N, C-alpha and C. Protein backbone atom coordinates (compact mmCIF):
# COMPACT_ATOMS: atom_id res chain seq x y z
N MET A 1 16.24 6.19 -50.73
CA MET A 1 15.87 5.54 -51.94
C MET A 1 14.51 4.80 -51.96
N LYS A 2 14.28 4.36 -50.76
CA LYS A 2 13.15 3.45 -50.67
C LYS A 2 11.80 4.27 -51.01
N ALA A 3 11.73 5.47 -50.57
CA ALA A 3 10.53 6.31 -50.80
C ALA A 3 10.61 7.04 -52.04
N ALA A 4 11.70 6.92 -52.80
CA ALA A 4 11.81 7.75 -54.04
C ALA A 4 10.91 7.25 -55.11
N LYS A 5 10.49 8.13 -56.06
CA LYS A 5 9.60 7.89 -57.15
C LYS A 5 10.30 8.44 -58.47
N TRP A 6 11.55 7.90 -58.67
CA TRP A 6 12.34 8.48 -59.73
C TRP A 6 11.78 7.91 -61.06
N LYS A 7 11.85 8.82 -62.06
CA LYS A 7 11.46 8.38 -63.48
C LYS A 7 12.62 8.36 -64.41
N HIS A 8 13.75 9.07 -63.92
CA HIS A 8 14.95 9.00 -64.86
C HIS A 8 16.08 9.66 -64.06
N PHE A 9 17.26 9.55 -64.54
CA PHE A 9 18.47 9.87 -63.84
C PHE A 9 18.46 11.37 -63.37
N ALA A 10 17.86 12.23 -64.03
CA ALA A 10 17.75 13.49 -63.60
C ALA A 10 17.12 13.68 -62.18
N ASN A 11 16.17 12.86 -61.86
CA ASN A 11 15.49 12.83 -60.59
C ASN A 11 16.45 12.42 -59.51
N VAL A 12 17.30 11.48 -59.84
CA VAL A 12 18.27 10.83 -58.84
C VAL A 12 19.35 12.06 -58.60
N LYS A 13 19.75 12.68 -59.63
CA LYS A 13 20.79 13.74 -59.51
C LYS A 13 20.31 14.93 -58.61
N LYS A 14 18.98 15.17 -58.67
CA LYS A 14 18.54 16.28 -57.80
C LYS A 14 18.62 15.87 -56.25
N VAL A 15 18.52 14.59 -55.99
CA VAL A 15 18.64 14.08 -54.52
C VAL A 15 20.07 13.81 -54.16
N PHE A 16 20.78 13.16 -55.02
CA PHE A 16 22.11 12.91 -54.88
C PHE A 16 23.07 13.56 -55.92
N GLY A 17 23.49 14.75 -55.54
CA GLY A 17 24.15 15.61 -56.41
C GLY A 17 25.47 14.95 -57.01
N SER A 18 26.05 14.20 -56.25
CA SER A 18 27.32 13.56 -56.58
C SER A 18 27.19 12.21 -57.46
N ALA A 19 25.92 11.82 -57.69
CA ALA A 19 25.64 10.62 -58.52
C ALA A 19 25.99 10.84 -59.94
N ASP A 20 26.60 9.90 -60.63
CA ASP A 20 27.01 9.92 -61.99
C ASP A 20 26.34 8.77 -62.76
N GLN A 21 25.99 9.00 -64.03
CA GLN A 21 25.59 7.97 -64.92
C GLN A 21 26.74 7.51 -65.78
N VAL A 22 27.07 6.27 -65.70
CA VAL A 22 28.22 5.62 -66.34
C VAL A 22 27.67 4.48 -67.23
N GLY A 23 27.37 4.73 -68.39
CA GLY A 23 26.57 3.72 -69.23
C GLY A 23 25.25 3.48 -68.56
N LYS A 24 24.97 2.18 -68.45
CA LYS A 24 23.70 1.76 -67.82
C LYS A 24 23.75 1.88 -66.27
N TYR A 25 24.95 2.13 -65.73
CA TYR A 25 24.95 2.16 -64.28
C TYR A 25 24.86 3.59 -63.62
N THR A 26 24.34 3.64 -62.45
CA THR A 26 24.28 4.83 -61.68
C THR A 26 25.32 4.69 -60.50
N VAL A 27 26.21 5.64 -60.45
CA VAL A 27 27.27 5.50 -59.44
C VAL A 27 27.23 6.49 -58.40
N PHE A 28 27.15 6.05 -57.00
CA PHE A 28 27.08 7.04 -56.08
C PHE A 28 28.37 7.01 -55.25
N ASN A 29 28.76 8.27 -54.77
CA ASN A 29 29.88 8.33 -53.81
C ASN A 29 29.40 8.19 -52.46
N ILE A 30 29.89 7.29 -51.81
CA ILE A 30 29.55 7.07 -50.37
C ILE A 30 30.81 7.09 -49.38
N GLY A 31 30.53 7.19 -48.19
CA GLY A 31 31.58 7.13 -47.15
C GLY A 31 32.60 8.16 -47.20
N GLY A 32 32.07 9.46 -47.50
CA GLY A 32 32.98 10.55 -47.51
C GLY A 32 33.82 10.53 -48.87
N ASN A 33 33.19 9.96 -49.91
CA ASN A 33 34.02 9.87 -51.24
C ASN A 33 35.08 8.82 -51.20
N LYS A 34 35.06 7.89 -50.14
CA LYS A 34 36.09 6.81 -50.14
C LYS A 34 35.59 5.58 -50.85
N TYR A 35 34.26 5.46 -51.11
CA TYR A 35 33.72 4.32 -51.76
C TYR A 35 32.70 4.74 -52.90
N ARG A 36 32.50 3.73 -53.81
CA ARG A 36 31.56 3.89 -54.83
C ARG A 36 30.51 2.73 -54.81
N LEU A 37 29.29 3.13 -54.76
CA LEU A 37 28.17 2.23 -54.86
C LEU A 37 27.73 2.28 -56.42
N ILE A 38 27.83 1.08 -56.96
CA ILE A 38 27.46 0.98 -58.40
C ILE A 38 26.11 0.27 -58.45
N THR A 39 25.27 0.95 -59.14
CA THR A 39 23.82 0.27 -59.15
C THR A 39 23.32 0.36 -60.62
N VAL A 40 22.36 -0.49 -60.87
CA VAL A 40 21.50 -0.40 -61.93
C VAL A 40 20.06 -0.03 -61.45
N ILE A 41 19.53 1.00 -62.04
CA ILE A 41 18.17 1.39 -61.49
C ILE A 41 17.18 1.08 -62.65
N ASN A 42 16.14 0.34 -62.28
CA ASN A 42 15.04 0.08 -63.07
C ASN A 42 13.93 0.97 -62.68
N TYR A 43 13.79 2.09 -63.47
CA TYR A 43 12.89 3.19 -63.12
C TYR A 43 11.36 2.77 -63.23
N LYS A 44 11.10 1.83 -64.23
CA LYS A 44 9.73 1.37 -64.33
C LYS A 44 9.18 0.62 -63.20
N TRP A 45 10.14 -0.21 -62.67
CA TRP A 45 9.70 -1.05 -61.45
C TRP A 45 10.20 -0.50 -60.07
N GLN A 46 10.89 0.63 -60.20
CA GLN A 46 11.28 1.36 -59.00
C GLN A 46 12.20 0.47 -58.15
N VAL A 47 13.21 -0.11 -58.77
CA VAL A 47 14.12 -0.98 -57.94
C VAL A 47 15.55 -0.58 -58.33
N ALA A 48 16.41 -0.64 -57.41
CA ALA A 48 17.80 -0.40 -57.63
C ALA A 48 18.56 -1.74 -57.29
N TYR A 49 19.29 -2.21 -58.20
CA TYR A 49 20.20 -3.40 -58.04
C TYR A 49 21.69 -2.99 -57.80
N VAL A 50 22.22 -3.51 -56.75
CA VAL A 50 23.72 -3.21 -56.38
C VAL A 50 24.49 -4.00 -57.25
N ARG A 51 25.35 -3.41 -58.02
CA ARG A 51 26.33 -4.07 -58.98
C ARG A 51 27.70 -4.38 -58.18
N ALA A 52 28.02 -3.34 -57.41
CA ALA A 52 29.30 -3.46 -56.65
C ALA A 52 29.42 -2.30 -55.69
N ILE A 53 30.15 -2.46 -54.64
CA ILE A 53 30.65 -1.47 -53.70
C ILE A 53 32.14 -1.61 -53.70
N LEU A 54 32.75 -0.53 -54.14
CA LEU A 54 34.24 -0.54 -54.29
C LEU A 54 34.93 0.67 -53.69
N THR A 55 36.22 0.48 -53.30
CA THR A 55 36.94 1.63 -52.86
C THR A 55 37.19 2.58 -54.09
N HIS A 56 37.37 3.78 -53.78
CA HIS A 56 37.65 4.76 -54.97
C HIS A 56 38.87 4.21 -55.76
N ALA A 57 39.88 3.73 -55.19
CA ALA A 57 41.16 3.22 -55.93
C ALA A 57 40.65 2.03 -56.92
N ASP A 58 39.84 1.10 -56.26
CA ASP A 58 39.33 -0.03 -57.10
C ASP A 58 38.40 0.38 -58.33
N TYR A 59 37.54 1.35 -58.01
CA TYR A 59 36.68 1.87 -58.97
C TYR A 59 37.50 2.53 -60.10
N ASP A 60 38.53 3.27 -59.75
CA ASP A 60 39.33 3.93 -60.86
C ASP A 60 40.05 2.96 -61.78
N GLN A 61 40.18 1.68 -61.44
CA GLN A 61 40.79 0.69 -62.27
C GLN A 61 39.92 0.16 -63.43
N ASP A 62 38.61 0.39 -63.36
CA ASP A 62 37.61 0.10 -64.34
C ASP A 62 37.35 -1.40 -64.51
N LYS A 63 37.93 -2.27 -63.66
CA LYS A 63 37.75 -3.65 -63.81
C LYS A 63 36.30 -4.02 -63.59
N TRP A 64 35.55 -3.19 -62.90
CA TRP A 64 34.07 -3.49 -62.58
C TRP A 64 33.23 -3.44 -63.90
N LYS A 65 33.74 -2.75 -64.81
CA LYS A 65 32.93 -2.53 -66.08
C LYS A 65 32.92 -3.87 -66.92
N THR A 66 33.79 -4.75 -66.74
CA THR A 66 34.12 -5.97 -67.67
C THR A 66 33.84 -7.21 -66.80
N SER A 67 33.78 -7.23 -65.56
CA SER A 67 33.65 -8.48 -64.78
C SER A 67 32.21 -8.78 -64.41
């Protein structure tokens, strides 16, 4: 990610095929699909903010969307 020059989500998806856009968040599957890295990417400033790192089970509960 550090060397990436992404302009929009499609650029992210080309590099990380399992990434998903969920509202304003970009979600990455990590750890062999056991965990979810939830980020907000500011494409203008080329910065990714980590919102949460959750197990797959915790992610599926959707509590992270409201807390």
